[in-house]
Structures are given as C-alpha cells and as structure tokens.
Amino acid sequence: MRIKYLGLVVLALAIVPTAQASEELAKKYNCLACHQVDKKLVGPSYQDVAAKYKGQADAPDKLAAKVKAGGVGVWGQVPMPPNPTVPDADLKALIAWILALPPAAK
C-alpha cells in the first residue's frame, strides 16, 4: 500500500510542474491574449481545441503548423496571426498540454 501511495505522489509531482510550465509558456508567448483554458475569448478555448482534435494522431503536427503559420476559417473568420518564433520544444510542450486538457463542463 505504501509503495502504491508513493507512486501516486511521484506521478502527481511530475504532472503538476509540466502543466504549470505549459501555462507559463502560454503566458510567455502571449497566447492567453486570445485564448483561455475554459472559455472562448478571441479564439477558441483550449478545452474546445482539445475536444476537436481528440484521438487524432496527427493533431500535434496540425496544431504546430497552425501556430507557426497562423490561419483563419477553422474557428470562424477571426484570423490567428502566425507565431513562427516560438521554439519547437516550447511549441511541442504547449500543444501536449492543450491536448491533455479535460473537456469543458457543460
């Protein structure tokens, strides 16, 4: 029992910094000026993005391309500006964090 509990504590400690770091990256690259985790702002909520791409193996690559090049039309007619200066490692961490978010409460 003690080993199982210790394993859960280690897992929780491993997950929390990653989630926090990814939210910090979203702040660093000004993503939160247009996106919120749980509600639509200018762009879709990150929970809605996660739901839309759930189960799609190519979602990380699709989303990385959209962030780098920008786009319009997937979520309406408000364009997302390109963000080509976000380093690939940070972009990968941000997208993994977004895709791991739970669905929005309805």
N, C-alpha and C. Protein backbone atom coordinates (compact mmCIF):
# COMPACT_ATOMS: atom_id res chain seq x y z
N MET A 1 0.82 -1.19 0.00
CA MET A 1 0.00 0.00 0.00
C MET A 1 0.87 1.26 0.00
N ARG A 2 1.91 1.22 0.81
CA ARG A 2 2.78 2.37 0.92
C ARG A 2 3.47 2.67 -0.42
N ILE A 3 3.89 1.64 -1.14
CA ILE A 3 4.55 1.82 -2.43
C ILE A 3 3.58 2.41 -3.45
N LYS A 4 2.35 1.93 -3.45
CA LYS A 4 1.34 2.46 -4.36
C LYS A 4 1.11 3.95 -4.10
N TYR A 5 1.01 4.33 -2.84
CA TYR A 5 0.81 5.73 -2.46
C TYR A 5 2.00 6.57 -2.91
N LEU A 6 3.19 6.08 -2.68
CA LEU A 6 4.39 6.80 -3.08
C LEU A 6 4.43 6.99 -4.59
N GLY A 7 4.02 5.98 -5.33
CA GLY A 7 3.97 6.08 -6.79
C GLY A 7 3.00 7.16 -7.23
N LEU A 8 1.84 7.27 -6.58
CA LEU A 8 0.86 8.30 -6.92
C LEU A 8 1.39 9.69 -6.61
N VAL A 9 2.11 9.83 -5.52
CA VAL A 9 2.69 11.13 -5.15
C VAL A 9 3.73 11.55 -6.19
N VAL A 10 4.58 10.61 -6.58
CA VAL A 10 5.61 10.92 -7.58
C VAL A 10 4.96 11.31 -8.90
N LEU A 11 3.92 10.57 -9.31
CA LEU A 11 3.21 10.89 -10.55
C LEU A 11 2.58 12.28 -10.48
N ALA A 12 1.95 12.60 -9.38
CA ALA A 12 1.33 13.91 -9.22
C ALA A 12 2.37 15.02 -9.28
N LEU A 13 3.50 14.82 -8.65
CA LEU A 13 4.56 15.83 -8.68
C LEU A 13 5.14 15.99 -10.08
N ALA A 14 5.15 14.93 -10.84
CA ALA A 14 5.67 15.01 -12.21
C ALA A 14 4.70 15.74 -13.13
N ILE A 15 3.41 15.59 -12.91
CA ILE A 15 2.40 16.20 -13.77
C ILE A 15 2.24 17.70 -13.48
N VAL A 16 2.20 18.09 -12.24
CA VAL A 16 1.93 19.47 -11.87
C VAL A 16 2.94 20.45 -12.47
N PRO A 17 4.26 20.20 -12.36
CA PRO A 17 5.18 21.16 -12.97
C PRO A 17 5.01 21.28 -14.48
N THR A 18 4.70 20.19 -15.16
CA THR A 18 4.52 20.24 -16.61
C THR A 18 3.32 21.13 -16.96
N ALA A 19 2.21 20.94 -16.27
CA ALA A 19 1.03 21.75 -16.54
C ALA A 19 1.32 23.22 -16.24
N GLN A 20 1.97 23.47 -15.12
CA GLN A 20 2.28 24.84 -14.75
C GLN A 20 3.25 25.45 -15.77
N ALA A 21 4.26 24.68 -16.16
CA ALA A 21 5.24 25.18 -17.13
C ALA A 21 4.56 25.50 -18.45
N SER A 22 3.63 24.68 -18.88
CA SER A 22 2.95 24.93 -20.14
C SER A 22 2.07 26.16 -20.08
N GLU A 23 1.41 26.37 -18.97
CA GLU A 23 0.62 27.59 -18.82
C GLU A 23 1.54 28.81 -18.80
N GLU A 24 2.68 28.66 -18.18
CA GLU A 24 3.66 29.75 -18.19
C GLU A 24 4.15 30.03 -19.61
N LEU A 25 4.33 28.98 -20.41
CA LEU A 25 4.72 29.18 -21.81
C LEU A 25 3.62 29.92 -22.58
N ALA A 26 2.37 29.57 -22.31
CA ALA A 26 1.26 30.25 -22.97
C ALA A 26 1.27 31.74 -22.62
N LYS A 27 1.61 32.05 -21.40
CA LYS A 27 1.73 33.46 -21.00
C LYS A 27 2.93 34.10 -21.68
N LYS A 28 4.05 33.40 -21.69
CA LYS A 28 5.29 33.93 -22.26
C LYS A 28 5.13 34.31 -23.73
N TYR A 29 4.41 33.48 -24.48
CA TYR A 29 4.25 33.73 -25.91
C TYR A 29 2.95 34.47 -26.24
N ASN A 30 2.31 35.01 -25.22
CA ASN A 30 1.12 35.85 -25.36
C ASN A 30 -0.10 35.12 -25.94
N CYS A 31 -0.12 33.80 -25.79
CA CYS A 31 -1.26 33.01 -26.28
C CYS A 31 -2.55 33.35 -25.53
N LEU A 32 -2.39 33.70 -24.26
CA LEU A 32 -3.56 33.95 -23.42
C LEU A 32 -4.22 35.30 -23.72
N ALA A 33 -3.63 36.07 -24.62
CA ALA A 33 -4.29 37.30 -25.05
C ALA A 33 -5.53 36.98 -25.88
N CYS A 34 -5.53 35.82 -26.54
CA CYS A 34 -6.65 35.42 -27.40
C CYS A 34 -7.34 34.14 -26.96
N HIS A 35 -6.68 33.33 -26.16
CA HIS A 35 -7.22 32.03 -25.74
C HIS A 35 -7.29 31.95 -24.22
N GLN A 36 -8.30 31.27 -23.73
CA GLN A 36 -8.43 30.93 -22.32
C GLN A 36 -8.50 29.41 -22.24
N VAL A 37 -8.20 28.86 -21.08
CA VAL A 37 -8.28 27.41 -20.93
C VAL A 37 -9.71 26.93 -21.08
N ASP A 38 -10.65 27.61 -20.42
CA ASP A 38 -12.00 27.06 -20.28
C ASP A 38 -13.11 27.88 -20.94
N LYS A 39 -12.78 28.95 -21.66
CA LYS A 39 -13.83 29.71 -22.32
C LYS A 39 -13.28 30.41 -23.56
N LYS A 40 -14.17 30.66 -24.51
CA LYS A 40 -13.81 31.36 -25.73
C LYS A 40 -13.48 32.80 -25.39
N LEU A 41 -12.43 33.30 -25.99
CA LEU A 41 -12.09 34.72 -25.87
C LEU A 41 -12.13 35.26 -27.29
N VAL A 42 -11.03 35.58 -27.88
CA VAL A 42 -10.98 35.93 -29.30
C VAL A 42 -10.97 34.63 -30.11
N GLY A 43 -10.15 33.69 -29.65
CA GLY A 43 -10.08 32.36 -30.26
C GLY A 43 -10.77 31.35 -29.37
N PRO A 44 -10.78 30.09 -29.80
CA PRO A 44 -11.46 29.05 -29.02
C PRO A 44 -10.75 28.77 -27.70
N SER A 45 -11.49 28.21 -26.75
CA SER A 45 -10.86 27.79 -25.50
C SER A 45 -9.93 26.62 -25.81
N TYR A 46 -8.94 26.45 -24.98
CA TYR A 46 -8.03 25.32 -25.17
C TYR A 46 -8.76 24.00 -24.95
N GLN A 47 -9.76 23.98 -24.08
CA GLN A 47 -10.54 22.76 -23.88
C GLN A 47 -11.31 22.41 -25.16
N ASP A 48 -11.83 23.41 -25.86
CA ASP A 48 -12.52 23.15 -27.13
C ASP A 48 -11.55 22.64 -28.19
N VAL A 49 -10.35 23.18 -28.20
CA VAL A 49 -9.33 22.69 -29.15
C VAL A 49 -9.02 21.23 -28.85
N ALA A 50 -8.83 20.91 -27.58
CA ALA A 50 -8.53 19.53 -27.19
C ALA A 50 -9.66 18.59 -27.61
N ALA A 51 -10.91 19.02 -27.42
CA ALA A 51 -12.05 18.19 -27.80
C ALA A 51 -12.12 17.99 -29.31
N LYS A 52 -11.86 19.03 -30.08
CA LYS A 52 -11.94 18.96 -31.53
C LYS A 52 -10.92 17.98 -32.10
N TYR A 53 -9.74 17.96 -31.52
CA TYR A 53 -8.64 17.14 -32.06
C TYR A 53 -8.43 15.84 -31.31
N LYS A 54 -9.31 15.53 -30.35
CA LYS A 54 -9.17 14.32 -29.55
C LYS A 54 -9.11 13.08 -30.44
N GLY A 55 -8.12 12.25 -30.17
CA GLY A 55 -8.00 10.98 -30.88
C GLY A 55 -7.35 11.07 -32.25
N GLN A 56 -7.00 12.26 -32.69
CA GLN A 56 -6.36 12.43 -34.00
C GLN A 56 -4.85 12.33 -33.82
N ALA A 57 -4.27 11.30 -34.37
CA ALA A 57 -2.84 11.07 -34.21
C ALA A 57 -2.00 12.21 -34.78
N ASP A 58 -2.50 12.86 -35.82
CA ASP A 58 -1.73 13.93 -36.45
C ASP A 58 -2.03 15.31 -35.85
N ALA A 59 -2.80 15.36 -34.77
CA ALA A 59 -3.18 16.64 -34.15
C ALA A 59 -1.97 17.49 -33.74
N PRO A 60 -0.96 16.92 -33.09
CA PRO A 60 0.17 17.77 -32.70
C PRO A 60 0.83 18.46 -33.91
N ASP A 61 1.00 17.72 -34.99
CA ASP A 61 1.62 18.31 -36.19
C ASP A 61 0.71 19.36 -36.82
N LYS A 62 -0.60 19.07 -36.89
CA LYS A 62 -1.55 20.04 -37.45
C LYS A 62 -1.54 21.34 -36.66
N LEU A 63 -1.60 21.20 -35.34
CA LEU A 63 -1.66 22.39 -34.49
C LEU A 63 -0.35 23.17 -34.52
N ALA A 64 0.78 22.48 -34.57
CA ALA A 64 2.07 23.16 -34.67
C ALA A 64 2.13 23.99 -35.95
N ALA A 65 1.66 23.41 -37.04
CA ALA A 65 1.66 24.14 -38.32
C ALA A 65 0.75 25.36 -38.24
N LYS A 66 -0.41 25.21 -37.58
CA LYS A 66 -1.34 26.34 -37.45
C LYS A 66 -0.74 27.46 -36.60
N VAL A 67 -0.05 27.09 -35.53
CA VAL A 67 0.56 28.12 -34.68
C VAL A 67 1.65 28.84 -35.45
N LYS A 68 2.51 28.09 -36.13
CA LYS A 68 3.64 28.69 -36.86
C LYS A 68 3.16 29.58 -38.01
N ALA A 69 2.19 29.11 -38.79
CA ALA A 69 1.76 29.83 -39.99
C ALA A 69 0.56 30.75 -39.77
N GLY A 70 -0.17 30.55 -38.69
CA GLY A 70 -1.41 31.29 -38.49
C GLY A 70 -2.51 30.66 -39.33
N GLY A 71 -3.68 31.26 -39.33
CA GLY A 71 -4.77 30.71 -40.12
C GLY A 71 -6.08 31.40 -39.85
N VAL A 72 -7.08 30.99 -40.60
CA VAL A 72 -8.43 31.52 -40.46
C VAL A 72 -9.40 30.51 -41.02
N GLY A 73 -10.61 30.49 -40.47
CA GLY A 73 -11.66 29.66 -41.02
C GLY A 73 -12.03 28.42 -40.23
N VAL A 74 -11.11 27.87 -39.46
CA VAL A 74 -11.42 26.67 -38.69
C VAL A 74 -12.37 26.98 -37.54
N TRP A 75 -12.17 28.13 -36.90
CA TRP A 75 -12.98 28.52 -35.74
C TRP A 75 -13.77 29.79 -36.00
N GLY A 76 -13.92 30.18 -37.24
CA GLY A 76 -14.61 31.41 -37.57
C GLY A 76 -13.73 32.27 -38.44
N GLN A 77 -14.10 33.50 -38.60
CA GLN A 77 -13.39 34.38 -39.53
C GLN A 77 -12.37 35.30 -38.86
N VAL A 78 -12.16 35.17 -37.57
CA VAL A 78 -11.13 35.96 -36.90
C VAL A 78 -9.79 35.25 -37.12
N PRO A 79 -8.85 35.90 -37.78
CA PRO A 79 -7.59 35.22 -38.09
C PRO A 79 -6.70 35.07 -36.86
N MET A 80 -5.96 33.96 -36.85
CA MET A 80 -4.92 33.78 -35.84
C MET A 80 -3.61 34.19 -36.50
N PRO A 81 -2.90 35.14 -35.90
CA PRO A 81 -1.65 35.58 -36.51
C PRO A 81 -0.59 34.48 -36.42
N PRO A 82 0.35 34.48 -37.33
CA PRO A 82 1.43 33.49 -37.27
C PRO A 82 2.35 33.75 -36.08
N ASN A 83 2.89 32.67 -35.55
CA ASN A 83 3.82 32.75 -34.42
C ASN A 83 5.07 31.93 -34.74
N PRO A 84 5.82 32.32 -35.77
CA PRO A 84 6.95 31.50 -36.22
C PRO A 84 8.15 31.49 -35.29
N THR A 85 8.19 32.38 -34.30
CA THR A 85 9.36 32.46 -33.43
C THR A 85 9.27 31.58 -32.19
N VAL A 86 8.13 30.90 -31.99
CA VAL A 86 8.01 30.01 -30.84
C VAL A 86 8.91 28.80 -31.10
N PRO A 87 9.89 28.54 -30.23
CA PRO A 87 10.78 27.40 -30.43
C PRO A 87 10.00 26.08 -30.47
N ASP A 88 10.46 25.16 -31.30
CA ASP A 88 9.76 23.89 -31.48
C ASP A 88 9.55 23.14 -30.17
N ALA A 89 10.53 23.14 -29.28
CA ALA A 89 10.39 22.43 -28.00
C ALA A 89 9.27 23.05 -27.15
N ASP A 90 9.21 24.36 -27.11
CA ASP A 90 8.15 25.04 -26.36
C ASP A 90 6.79 24.80 -27.01
N LEU A 91 6.76 24.84 -28.33
CA LEU A 91 5.52 24.60 -29.06
C LEU A 91 5.00 23.19 -28.80
N LYS A 92 5.90 22.22 -28.81
CA LYS A 92 5.51 20.83 -28.54
C LYS A 92 4.94 20.70 -27.12
N ALA A 93 5.56 21.35 -26.15
CA ALA A 93 5.08 21.30 -24.77
C ALA A 93 3.70 21.96 -24.65
N LEU A 94 3.52 23.11 -25.29
CA LEU A 94 2.22 23.80 -25.26
C LEU A 94 1.12 22.94 -25.87
N ILE A 95 1.39 22.35 -27.01
CA ILE A 95 0.37 21.55 -27.69
C ILE A 95 0.04 20.30 -26.89
N ALA A 96 1.04 19.66 -26.32
CA ALA A 96 0.79 18.48 -25.48
C ALA A 96 -0.09 18.86 -24.29
N TRP A 97 0.18 20.00 -23.69
CA TRP A 97 -0.62 20.48 -22.56
C TRP A 97 -2.06 20.74 -22.99
N ILE A 98 -2.23 21.41 -24.11
CA ILE A 98 -3.58 21.72 -24.61
C ILE A 98 -4.36 20.44 -24.90
N LEU A 99 -3.73 19.50 -25.61
CA LEU A 99 -4.43 18.27 -25.99
C LEU A 99 -4.75 17.38 -24.80
N ALA A 100 -4.05 17.57 -23.69
CA ALA A 100 -4.30 16.76 -22.48
C ALA A 100 -5.38 17.36 -21.58
N LEU A 101 -5.88 18.55 -21.92
CA LEU A 101 -6.89 19.17 -21.07
C LEU A 101 -8.20 18.39 -21.09
N PRO A 102 -8.89 18.39 -19.96
CA PRO A 102 -10.18 17.70 -19.91
C PRO A 102 -11.24 18.51 -20.67
N PRO A 103 -12.32 17.85 -21.07
CA PRO A 103 -13.39 18.58 -21.77
C PRO A 103 -14.02 19.63 -20.87
N ALA A 104 -14.54 20.65 -21.50
CA ALA A 104 -15.23 21.72 -20.76
C ALA A 104 -16.49 21.18 -20.11
N ALA A 105 -16.77 21.65 -18.92
CA ALA A 105 -18.01 21.27 -18.24
C ALA A 105 -19.18 21.95 -18.94
N LYS A 106 -20.21 21.22 -19.20
CA LYS A 106 -21.39 21.78 -19.89
C LYS A 106 -22.50 22.02 -18.92
